[in-house]
Amino acid sequence: IAEELGLPVYATKGTAERLIEVGVECTPVEKEPGGGTSAFDVIDDGRVDLVINIPREYDEQGRPDGYLIRRRAVDAGIPLITDLKLAGAIVEALRSKRPHELGVVAWGDYIKRGPIPLT
């Protein structure tokens, strides 16, 4: 969906390898500064509007893998998704409605509609 919308995707090495395997174009970045363009660089430079980072392992200090990237995103005011199911729902939402198709709707109008079922 990112390609269809013309959005760049940045991913750390292992994630980038997997994304490329399944046909998603992305730019690999380092997890931490020091060895080329890092996730911190793309966050700090304002190249990122959304971070999807699903913790799976723990580092030597007992923090979930990717903690520093998530912390940097939050500190930069960038929306952060850490739940795989939610990330999938957002991708499906983007597939069903393109940003240019979305209009401004008053909060009261949303409330009148009631909940929208997730499929």
C-alpha atoms as a PDB file:
ATOM      1  CA  ILE A   1       0.000   0.000   0.000  1.00  0.00           C
ATOM      2  CA  ALA A   2       2.923   2.362   0.700  1.00  0.00           C
ATOM      3  CA  GLU A   3       4.079   2.025  -2.906  1.00  0.00           C
ATOM      4  CA  GLU A   4       0.568   2.757  -4.198  1.00  0.00           C
ATOM      5  CA  LEU A   5       0.463   5.917  -2.080  1.00  0.00           C
ATOM      6  CA  GLY A   6       4.013   6.902  -3.021  1.00  0.00           C
ATOM      7  CA  LEU A   7       5.225   6.608   0.563  1.00  0.00           C
ATOM      8  CA  PRO A   8       8.779   5.512   1.361  1.00  0.00           C
ATOM      9  CA  VAL A   9       9.235   2.620   3.789  1.00  0.00           C
ATOM     10  CA  TYR A  10      12.267   2.436   6.073  1.00  0.00           C
ATOM     11  CA  ALA A  11      13.058  -0.781   7.927  1.00  0.00           C
ATOM     12  CA  THR A  12      15.863  -2.148  10.050  1.00  0.00           C
ATOM     13  CA  LYS A  13      17.983  -4.882   8.484  1.00  0.00           C
ATOM     14  CA  GLY A  14      16.058  -8.030   9.463  1.00  0.00           C
ATOM     15  CA  THR A  15      12.678  -6.458   8.790  1.00  0.00           C
ATOM     16  CA  ALA A  16      13.893  -5.026   5.480  1.00  0.00           C
ATOM     17  CA  GLU A  17      15.075  -8.474   4.347  1.00  0.00           C
ATOM     18  CA  ARG A  18      11.660  -9.964   5.092  1.00  0.00           C
ATOM     19  CA  LEU A  19       9.763  -7.102   3.437  1.00  0.00           C
ATOM     20  CA  ILE A  20      11.886  -7.402   0.292  1.00  0.00           C
ATOM     21  CA  GLU A  21      11.250 -11.185   0.244  1.00  0.00           C
ATOM     22  CA  VAL A  22       7.495 -10.561   0.120  1.00  0.00           C
ATOM     23  CA  GLY A  23       7.805  -7.842  -2.509  1.00  0.00           C
ATOM     24  CA  VAL A  24       7.650  -4.654  -0.435  1.00  0.00           C
ATOM     25  CA  GLU A  25      10.143  -2.016  -1.534  1.00  0.00           C
ATOM     26  CA  CYS A  26      11.956  -0.452   1.402  1.00  0.00           C
ATOM     27  CA  THR A  27      15.123   1.340   2.404  1.00  0.00           C
ATOM     28  CA  PRO A  28      17.180  -0.542   5.009  1.00  0.00           C
ATOM     29  CA  VAL A  29      18.420   1.494   7.991  1.00  0.00           C
ATOM     30  CA  GLU A  30      20.556   0.634  11.002  1.00  0.00           C
ATOM     31  CA  LYS A  31      18.855   0.088  14.368  1.00  0.00           C
ATOM     32  CA  GLU A  32      21.232   2.460  16.122  1.00  0.00           C
ATOM     33  CA  PRO A  33      23.474   5.350  15.013  1.00  0.00           C
ATOM     34  CA  GLY A  34      27.043   4.666  13.985  1.00  0.00           C
ATOM     35  CA  GLY A  35      26.996   2.454  10.901  1.00  0.00           C
ATOM     36  CA  GLY A  36      25.279   4.433   8.172  1.00  0.00           C
ATOM     37  CA  THR A  37      21.784   5.871   8.010  1.00  0.00           C
ATOM     38  CA  SER A  38      19.918   4.787  11.130  1.00  0.00           C
ATOM     39  CA  ALA A  39      16.299   4.679  12.230  1.00  0.00           C
ATOM     40  CA  PHE A  40      17.171   7.644  14.469  1.00  0.00           C
ATOM     41  CA  ASP A  41      18.370   9.635  11.445  1.00  0.00           C
ATOM     42  CA  VAL A  42      15.149   9.167   9.465  1.00  0.00           C
ATOM     43  CA  ILE A  43      13.051   9.990  12.545  1.00  0.00           C
ATOM     44  CA  ASP A  44      15.120  13.069  13.456  1.00  0.00           C
ATOM     45  CA  ASP A  45      15.174  14.309   9.837  1.00  0.00           C
ATOM     46  CA  GLY A  46      11.368  14.262   9.658  1.00  0.00           C
ATOM     47  CA  ARG A  47      11.244  11.546   6.983  1.00  0.00           C
ATOM     48  CA  VAL A  48       8.916   9.370   9.066  1.00  0.00           C
ATOM     49  CA  ASP A  49       5.221  10.039   9.749  1.00  0.00           C
ATOM     50  CA  LEU A  50       4.361   6.694  11.377  1.00  0.00           C
ATOM     51  CA  VAL A  51       6.418   4.042  13.168  1.00  0.00           C
ATOM     52  CA  ILE A  52       5.290   0.419  13.281  1.00  0.00           C
ATOM     53  CA  ASN A  53       7.571  -1.427  15.690  1.00  0.00           C
ATOM     54  CA  ILE A  54       6.461  -4.762  17.142  1.00  0.00           C
ATOM     55  CA  PRO A  55       8.606  -5.857  20.130  1.00  0.00           C
ATOM     56  CA  ARG A  56       9.642  -9.509  19.944  1.00  0.00           C
ATOM     57  CA  GLU A  57      12.908  -9.945  21.873  1.00  0.00           C
ATOM     58  CA  TYR A  58      14.739  -8.278  24.762  1.00  0.00           C
ATOM     59  CA  ASP A  59      18.139  -6.562  24.761  1.00  0.00           C
ATOM     60  CA  GLU A  60      20.944  -7.082  27.290  1.00  0.00           C
ATOM     61  CA  GLN A  61      19.329  -4.513  29.623  1.00  0.00           C
ATOM     62  CA  GLY A  62      15.999  -6.341  29.614  1.00  0.00           C
ATOM     63  CA  ARG A  63      14.266  -3.833  27.346  1.00  0.00           C
ATOM     64  CA  PRO A  64      12.079  -5.063  24.511  1.00  0.00           C
ATOM     65  CA  ASP A  65      13.841  -5.087  21.130  1.00  0.00           C
ATOM     66  CA  GLY A  66      13.385  -1.770  19.341  1.00  0.00           C
ATOM     67  CA  TYR A  67      12.797   0.142  22.577  1.00  0.00           C
ATOM     68  CA  LEU A  68      15.101   3.005  21.593  1.00  0.00           C
ATOM     69  CA  ILE A  69      13.387   3.407  18.213  1.00  0.00           C
ATOM     70  CA  ARG A  70       9.960   3.470  19.877  1.00  0.00           C
ATOM     71  CA  ARG A  71      11.201   5.952  22.484  1.00  0.00           C
ATOM     72  CA  ARG A  72      12.657   8.205  19.760  1.00  0.00           C
ATOM     73  CA  ALA A  73       9.379   8.126  17.800  1.00  0.00           C
ATOM     74  CA  VAL A  74       7.333   9.057  20.874  1.00  0.00           C
ATOM     75  CA  ASP A  75       9.768  11.840  21.806  1.00  0.00           C
ATOM     76  CA  ALA A  76       9.508  13.199  18.239  1.00  0.00           C
ATOM     77  CA  GLY A  77       5.695  13.170  18.388  1.00  0.00           C
ATOM     78  CA  ILE A  78       5.400  10.491  15.700  1.00  0.00           C
ATOM     79  CA  PRO A  79       2.473   8.060  15.973  1.00  0.00           C
ATOM     80  CA  LEU A  80       3.656   4.629  17.116  1.00  0.00           C
ATOM     81  CA  ILE A  81       1.969   1.267  16.571  1.00  0.00           C
ATOM     82  CA  THR A  82       3.210  -1.706  18.597  1.00  0.00           C
ATOM     83  CA  ASP A  83       0.395  -4.173  17.939  1.00  0.00           C
ATOM     84  CA  LEU A  84       0.481  -6.364  14.820  1.00  0.00           C
ATOM     85  CA  LYS A  85      -3.311  -6.673  14.590  1.00  0.00           C
ATOM     86  CA  LEU A  86      -3.724  -2.889  14.788  1.00  0.00           C
ATOM     87  CA  ALA A  87      -1.018  -2.390  12.147  1.00  0.00           C
ATOM     88  CA  GLY A  88      -2.948  -4.744   9.847  1.00  0.00           C
ATOM     89  CA  ALA A  89      -6.182  -2.851  10.486  1.00  0.00           C
ATOM     90  CA  ILE A  90      -4.507   0.428   9.568  1.00  0.00           C
ATOM     91  CA  VAL A  91      -3.162  -1.044   6.332  1.00  0.00           C
ATOM     92  CA  GLU A  92      -6.646  -2.309   5.462  1.00  0.00           C
ATOM     93  CA  ALA A  93      -8.133   1.105   6.270  1.00  0.00           C
ATOM     94  CA  LEU A  94      -5.613   2.763   3.949  1.00  0.00           C
ATOM     95  CA  ARG A  95      -6.498   0.267   1.234  1.00  0.00           C
ATOM     96  CA  SER A  96     -10.208   1.000   1.522  1.00  0.00           C
ATOM     97  CA  LYS A  97      -9.940   4.808   1.615  1.00  0.00           C
ATOM     98  CA  ARG A  98      -7.164   6.890   0.118  1.00  0.00           C
ATOM     99  CA  PRO A  99      -6.185   9.995   2.090  1.00  0.00           C
ATOM    100  CA  HIS A 100      -7.480  12.318  -0.652  1.00  0.00           C
ATOM    101  CA  GLU A 101     -10.906  10.616  -0.377  1.00  0.00           C
ATOM    102  CA  LEU A 102     -11.258  11.487   3.287  1.00  0.00           C
ATOM    103  CA  GLY A 103     -13.176  14.558   4.293  1.00  0.00           C
ATOM    104  CA  VAL A 104     -13.523  16.457   7.516  1.00  0.00           C
ATOM    105  CA  VAL A 105     -16.417  15.179   9.620  1.00  0.00           C
ATOM    106  CA  ALA A 106     -17.672  16.763  12.841  1.00  0.00           C
ATOM    107  CA  TRP A 107     -17.165  14.660  15.983  1.00  0.00           C
ATOM    108  CA  GLY A 108     -20.924  14.609  16.634  1.00  0.00           C
ATOM    109  CA  ASP A 109     -21.486  13.056  13.201  1.00  0.00           C
ATOM    110  CA  TYR A 110     -19.044  10.253  14.046  1.00  0.00           C
ATOM    111  CA  ILE A 111     -20.916   9.581  17.283  1.00  0.00           C
ATOM    112  CA  LYS A 112     -24.263   9.392  15.456  1.00  0.00           C
ATOM    113  CA  ARG A 113     -22.884   6.711  13.106  1.00  0.00           C
ATOM    114  CA  GLY A 114     -22.055   4.331  15.918  1.00  0.00           C
ATOM    115  CA  PRO A 115     -19.203   1.806  15.881  1.00  0.00           C
ATOM    116  CA  ILE A 116     -17.808   0.584  12.579  1.00  0.00           C
ATOM    117  CA  PRO A 117     -17.170  -3.183  12.574  1.00  0.00           C
ATOM    118  CA  LEU A 118     -13.635  -4.358  11.783  1.00  0.00           C
ATOM    119  CA  THR A 119     -13.471  -7.216   9.314  1.00  0.00           C
END
